[in-house]
Amino acid sequence: MSSSPAPTIIAAAVARARRRISAYFFVEHAISADEAVPYAPQSRVERHEFERMQKRGVIRSDGDGKYWLDTAAYQADADRRRRILVPVVIVLVIAVALAIMFAGYRG
């Protein structure tokens, strides 16, 4: 029984979009309202992640069509994701280890 690779592919695309967006603002040094720059998402995934980052307060607008990355909100968002993902990964690793261990006892 094989599960679909779609969730993994989608998660990777979202993470890649998040990295591209944040890298753009860091390279442009757009980390305050005074240093805001124009930004246009390059794909549907990037546009969705850009909007999500705006809703979380990571990307801010200067009101004139320019944007900047709030580094404190960016770090808080990364910490929040880490707090959620680390326990999930630990549980998955334990589940896989137990499955492997019990599969060895059957044969």
N, C-alpha and C. Protein backbone atom coordinates (compact mmCIF):
# COMPACT_ATOMS: atom_id res chain seq x y z
N MET A 1 0.85 -1.18 0.00
CA MET A 1 0.00 0.00 0.00
C MET A 1 0.89 1.24 0.00
N SER A 2 0.75 2.04 -1.03
CA SER A 2 1.60 3.22 -1.20
C SER A 2 0.75 4.48 -1.13
N SER A 3 1.23 5.46 -0.39
CA SER A 3 0.50 6.72 -0.29
C SER A 3 0.94 7.65 -1.42
N SER A 4 0.11 8.63 -1.67
CA SER A 4 0.37 9.59 -2.73
C SER A 4 1.53 10.52 -2.37
N PRO A 5 2.39 10.82 -3.34
CA PRO A 5 3.48 11.76 -3.06
C PRO A 5 3.02 13.22 -3.12
N ALA A 6 1.75 13.46 -3.44
CA ALA A 6 1.24 14.83 -3.62
C ALA A 6 1.47 15.73 -2.40
N PRO A 7 1.15 15.28 -1.17
CA PRO A 7 1.37 16.18 -0.02
C PRO A 7 2.83 16.60 0.13
N THR A 8 3.73 15.68 -0.12
CA THR A 8 5.16 15.99 -0.02
C THR A 8 5.56 16.99 -1.10
N ILE A 9 5.07 16.79 -2.29
CA ILE A 9 5.39 17.69 -3.41
C ILE A 9 4.85 19.09 -3.13
N ILE A 10 3.62 19.16 -2.63
CA ILE A 10 3.01 20.45 -2.33
C ILE A 10 3.78 21.17 -1.22
N ALA A 11 4.11 20.43 -0.16
CA ALA A 11 4.86 21.03 0.96
C ALA A 11 6.21 21.55 0.48
N ALA A 12 6.87 20.81 -0.40
CA ALA A 12 8.17 21.25 -0.92
C ALA A 12 8.01 22.51 -1.77
N ALA A 13 6.95 22.57 -2.57
CA ALA A 13 6.72 23.75 -3.42
C ALA A 13 6.43 24.99 -2.56
N VAL A 14 5.68 24.81 -1.49
CA VAL A 14 5.37 25.93 -0.59
C VAL A 14 6.63 26.41 0.12
N ALA A 15 7.44 25.46 0.60
CA ALA A 15 8.69 25.82 1.28
C ALA A 15 9.63 26.54 0.32
N ARG A 16 9.70 26.05 -0.91
CA ARG A 16 10.56 26.69 -1.93
C ARG A 16 10.08 28.11 -2.21
N ALA A 17 8.76 28.30 -2.32
CA ALA A 17 8.20 29.63 -2.56
C ALA A 17 8.52 30.56 -1.39
N ARG A 18 8.38 30.06 -0.16
CA ARG A 18 8.67 30.86 1.03
C ARG A 18 10.14 31.30 1.02
N ARG A 19 11.04 30.37 0.67
CA ARG A 19 12.47 30.71 0.61
C ARG A 19 12.75 31.75 -0.48
N ARG A 20 12.13 31.59 -1.65
CA ARG A 20 12.35 32.55 -2.74
C ARG A 20 11.87 33.94 -2.36
N ILE A 21 10.70 34.00 -1.74
CA ILE A 21 10.14 35.29 -1.34
C ILE A 21 11.03 35.97 -0.31
N SER A 22 11.36 35.25 0.76
CA SER A 22 12.19 35.86 1.80
C SER A 22 13.57 36.22 1.26
N ALA A 23 14.14 35.37 0.41
CA ALA A 23 15.46 35.67 -0.17
C ALA A 23 15.42 36.96 -0.98
N TYR A 24 14.34 37.16 -1.73
CA TYR A 24 14.20 38.38 -2.53
C TYR A 24 14.29 39.62 -1.63
N PHE A 25 13.53 39.61 -0.54
CA PHE A 25 13.52 40.77 0.35
C PHE A 25 14.84 40.95 1.08
N PHE A 26 15.49 39.86 1.45
CA PHE A 26 16.79 39.97 2.10
C PHE A 26 17.85 40.49 1.13
N VAL A 27 17.84 40.00 -0.10
CA VAL A 27 18.82 40.46 -1.10
C VAL A 27 18.62 41.94 -1.40
N GLU A 28 17.37 42.36 -1.47
CA GLU A 28 17.05 43.77 -1.73
C GLU A 28 17.19 44.63 -0.47
N HIS A 29 17.49 44.00 0.64
CA HIS A 29 17.59 44.65 1.95
C HIS A 29 16.31 45.42 2.28
N ALA A 30 15.17 44.82 1.90
CA ALA A 30 13.87 45.43 2.17
C ALA A 30 13.34 44.88 3.49
N ILE A 31 13.92 45.39 4.59
CA ILE A 31 13.55 44.89 5.91
C ILE A 31 12.98 45.99 6.81
N SER A 32 12.60 47.09 6.19
CA SER A 32 11.91 48.15 6.92
C SER A 32 11.05 48.92 5.91
N ALA A 33 10.10 49.67 6.41
CA ALA A 33 9.20 50.43 5.53
C ALA A 33 9.98 51.41 4.65
N ASP A 34 11.08 51.96 5.17
CA ASP A 34 11.90 52.90 4.40
C ASP A 34 12.60 52.23 3.22
N GLU A 35 12.77 50.92 3.30
CA GLU A 35 13.51 50.19 2.27
C GLU A 35 12.60 49.30 1.42
N ALA A 36 11.28 49.54 1.47
CA ALA A 36 10.31 48.72 0.75
C ALA A 36 10.58 48.72 -0.75
N VAL A 37 10.28 47.59 -1.38
CA VAL A 37 10.51 47.42 -2.82
C VAL A 37 9.27 46.83 -3.47
N PRO A 38 9.12 47.02 -4.78
CA PRO A 38 8.00 46.36 -5.46
C PRO A 38 8.25 44.85 -5.53
N TYR A 39 7.18 44.09 -5.55
CA TYR A 39 7.32 42.64 -5.63
C TYR A 39 6.14 42.06 -6.41
N ALA A 40 6.44 41.14 -7.32
CA ALA A 40 5.42 40.45 -8.10
C ALA A 40 5.70 38.95 -8.03
N PRO A 41 4.80 38.18 -7.42
CA PRO A 41 4.98 36.73 -7.35
C PRO A 41 5.13 36.13 -8.75
N GLN A 42 5.98 35.12 -8.87
CA GLN A 42 6.29 34.53 -10.16
C GLN A 42 5.46 33.29 -10.50
N SER A 43 4.69 32.78 -9.53
CA SER A 43 3.86 31.60 -9.78
C SER A 43 2.64 31.65 -8.88
N ARG A 44 1.72 30.74 -9.13
CA ARG A 44 0.51 30.67 -8.31
C ARG A 44 0.85 30.29 -6.87
N VAL A 45 1.77 29.34 -6.71
CA VAL A 45 2.19 28.93 -5.37
C VAL A 45 2.85 30.09 -4.65
N GLU A 46 3.71 30.81 -5.36
CA GLU A 46 4.40 31.95 -4.77
C GLU A 46 3.40 33.05 -4.38
N ARG A 47 2.40 33.28 -5.23
CA ARG A 47 1.38 34.30 -4.93
C ARG A 47 0.60 33.89 -3.68
N HIS A 48 0.23 32.62 -3.57
CA HIS A 48 -0.50 32.13 -2.41
C HIS A 48 0.34 32.28 -1.14
N GLU A 49 1.61 31.90 -1.21
CA GLU A 49 2.48 32.00 -0.04
C GLU A 49 2.75 33.47 0.32
N PHE A 50 2.89 34.34 -0.69
CA PHE A 50 3.08 35.77 -0.46
C PHE A 50 1.88 36.34 0.31
N GLU A 51 0.67 35.97 -0.12
CA GLU A 51 -0.54 36.44 0.56
C GLU A 51 -0.61 35.89 1.97
N ARG A 52 -0.21 34.64 2.15
CA ARG A 52 -0.20 34.03 3.48
C ARG A 52 0.80 34.75 4.39
N MET A 53 1.96 35.08 3.85
CA MET A 53 2.98 35.79 4.62
C MET A 53 2.49 37.20 5.00
N GLN A 54 1.72 37.82 4.11
CA GLN A 54 1.14 39.13 4.43
C GLN A 54 0.13 39.00 5.58
N LYS A 55 -0.72 37.97 5.52
CA LYS A 55 -1.72 37.78 6.57
C LYS A 55 -1.07 37.54 7.93
N ARG A 56 0.09 36.90 7.94
CA ARG A 56 0.80 36.61 9.19
C ARG A 56 1.65 37.80 9.64
N GLY A 57 1.71 38.86 8.84
CA GLY A 57 2.47 40.04 9.21
C GLY A 57 3.95 39.95 8.90
N VAL A 58 4.34 38.90 8.16
CA VAL A 58 5.75 38.73 7.80
C VAL A 58 6.12 39.69 6.67
N ILE A 59 5.24 39.81 5.69
CA ILE A 59 5.42 40.77 4.60
C ILE A 59 4.49 41.94 4.88
N ARG A 60 5.03 43.13 4.85
CA ARG A 60 4.26 44.34 5.12
C ARG A 60 4.26 45.23 3.89
N SER A 61 3.24 46.02 3.74
CA SER A 61 3.12 46.95 2.62
C SER A 61 3.34 48.37 3.11
N ASP A 62 3.95 49.17 2.24
CA ASP A 62 4.12 50.58 2.59
C ASP A 62 2.92 51.42 2.14
N GLY A 63 1.96 50.76 1.49
CA GLY A 63 0.76 51.44 1.03
C GLY A 63 0.88 51.99 -0.38
N ASP A 64 2.09 52.00 -0.95
CA ASP A 64 2.31 52.51 -2.31
C ASP A 64 2.72 51.41 -3.28
N GLY A 65 2.30 50.16 -3.01
CA GLY A 65 2.63 49.05 -3.89
C GLY A 65 4.02 48.48 -3.68
N LYS A 66 4.64 48.86 -2.58
CA LYS A 66 5.95 48.31 -2.24
C LYS A 66 5.83 47.53 -0.93
N TYR A 67 6.74 46.56 -0.78
CA TYR A 67 6.65 45.66 0.36
C TYR A 67 8.00 45.51 1.04
N TRP A 68 7.94 45.07 2.29
CA TRP A 68 9.17 44.80 3.04
C TRP A 68 8.92 43.62 3.97
N LEU A 69 9.99 42.97 4.39
CA LEU A 69 9.90 41.80 5.24
C LEU A 69 10.19 42.21 6.69
N ASP A 70 9.25 41.93 7.57
CA ASP A 70 9.41 42.21 8.99
C ASP A 70 10.21 41.05 9.59
N THR A 71 11.47 41.29 9.91
CA THR A 71 12.36 40.20 10.35
C THR A 71 11.91 39.58 11.67
N ALA A 72 11.36 40.37 12.58
CA ALA A 72 10.88 39.81 13.85
C ALA A 72 9.70 38.87 13.60
N ALA A 73 8.76 39.27 12.75
CA ALA A 73 7.62 38.42 12.42
C ALA A 73 8.07 37.19 11.64
N TYR A 74 9.07 37.36 10.77
CA TYR A 74 9.62 36.25 10.00
C TYR A 74 10.20 35.19 10.95
N GLN A 75 10.98 35.62 11.94
CA GLN A 75 11.57 34.69 12.91
C GLN A 75 10.49 34.03 13.77
N ALA A 76 9.51 34.80 14.20
CA ALA A 76 8.42 34.25 15.01
C ALA A 76 7.64 33.20 14.22
N ASP A 77 7.41 33.45 12.93
CA ASP A 77 6.70 32.50 12.08
C ASP A 77 7.52 31.23 11.91
N ALA A 78 8.83 31.36 11.71
CA ALA A 78 9.71 30.19 11.58
C ALA A 78 9.71 29.39 12.88
N ASP A 79 9.77 30.06 14.01
CA ASP A 79 9.74 29.38 15.31
C ASP A 79 8.42 28.63 15.50
N ARG A 80 7.32 29.25 15.12
CA ARG A 80 6.00 28.63 15.24
C ARG A 80 5.93 27.36 14.39
N ARG A 81 6.41 27.44 13.15
CA ARG A 81 6.42 26.25 12.28
C ARG A 81 7.27 25.14 12.88
N ARG A 82 8.41 25.51 13.43
CA ARG A 82 9.31 24.53 14.03
C ARG A 82 8.66 23.85 15.23
N ARG A 83 7.98 24.63 16.08
CA ARG A 83 7.30 24.07 17.25
C ARG A 83 6.23 23.05 16.85
N ILE A 84 5.62 23.26 15.69
CA ILE A 84 4.59 22.34 15.21
C ILE A 84 5.22 21.13 14.54
N LEU A 85 6.21 21.34 13.70
CA LEU A 85 6.77 20.26 12.88
C LEU A 85 7.66 19.30 13.64
N VAL A 86 8.44 19.77 14.59
CA VAL A 86 9.37 18.88 15.29
C VAL A 86 8.64 17.73 15.99
N PRO A 87 7.60 17.98 16.77
CA PRO A 87 6.90 16.84 17.39
C PRO A 87 6.27 15.90 16.35
N VAL A 88 5.76 16.45 15.26
CA VAL A 88 5.16 15.61 14.21
C VAL A 88 6.22 14.68 13.62
N VAL A 89 7.38 15.22 13.32
CA VAL A 89 8.46 14.41 12.76
C VAL A 89 8.90 13.34 13.75
N ILE A 90 9.01 13.69 15.01
CA ILE A 90 9.40 12.70 16.03
C ILE A 90 8.40 11.55 16.09
N VAL A 91 7.11 11.86 16.09
CA VAL A 91 6.08 10.82 16.13
C VAL A 91 6.17 9.94 14.87
N LEU A 92 6.36 10.54 13.71
CA LEU A 92 6.47 9.76 12.48
C LEU A 92 7.68 8.85 12.50
N VAL A 93 8.80 9.33 12.97
CA VAL A 93 10.01 8.51 13.05
C VAL A 93 9.80 7.33 13.99
N ILE A 94 9.18 7.57 15.13
CA ILE A 94 8.90 6.49 16.08
C ILE A 94 7.94 5.47 15.45
N ALA A 95 6.91 5.95 14.77
CA ALA A 95 5.95 5.05 14.14
C ALA A 95 6.62 4.17 13.08
N VAL A 96 7.49 4.76 12.27
CA VAL A 96 8.20 3.99 11.25
C VAL A 96 9.13 2.98 11.91
N ALA A 97 9.83 3.38 12.95
CA ALA A 97 10.74 2.47 13.64
C ALA A 97 9.97 1.29 14.24
N LEU A 98 8.82 1.55 14.86
CA LEU A 98 8.01 0.48 15.41
C LEU A 98 7.48 -0.44 14.33
N ALA A 99 7.06 0.13 13.20
CA ALA A 99 6.56 -0.69 12.09
C ALA A 99 7.66 -1.61 11.57
N ILE A 100 8.86 -1.09 11.43
CA ILE A 100 9.99 -1.90 10.97
C ILE A 100 10.30 -2.99 11.99
N MET A 101 10.30 -2.63 13.25
CA MET A 101 10.64 -3.58 14.31
C MET A 101 9.60 -4.72 14.35
N PHE A 102 8.31 -4.39 14.31
CA PHE A 102 7.28 -5.43 14.37
C PHE A 102 7.20 -6.23 13.08
N ALA A 103 7.54 -5.65 11.96
CA ALA A 103 7.55 -6.39 10.69
C ALA A 103 8.62 -7.48 10.76
N GLY A 104 9.70 -7.23 11.45
CA GLY A 104 10.78 -8.22 11.60
C GLY A 104 10.34 -9.40 12.43
N TYR A 105 9.43 -9.22 13.37
CA TYR A 105 8.96 -10.32 14.23
C TYR A 105 7.96 -11.25 13.52
N ARG A 106 7.30 -10.75 12.50
CA ARG A 106 6.31 -11.57 11.79
C ARG A 106 6.97 -12.64 10.93
N GLY A 107 8.08 -12.29 10.33
CA GLY A 107 8.71 -13.19 9.36
C GLY A 107 9.66 -14.07 10.01
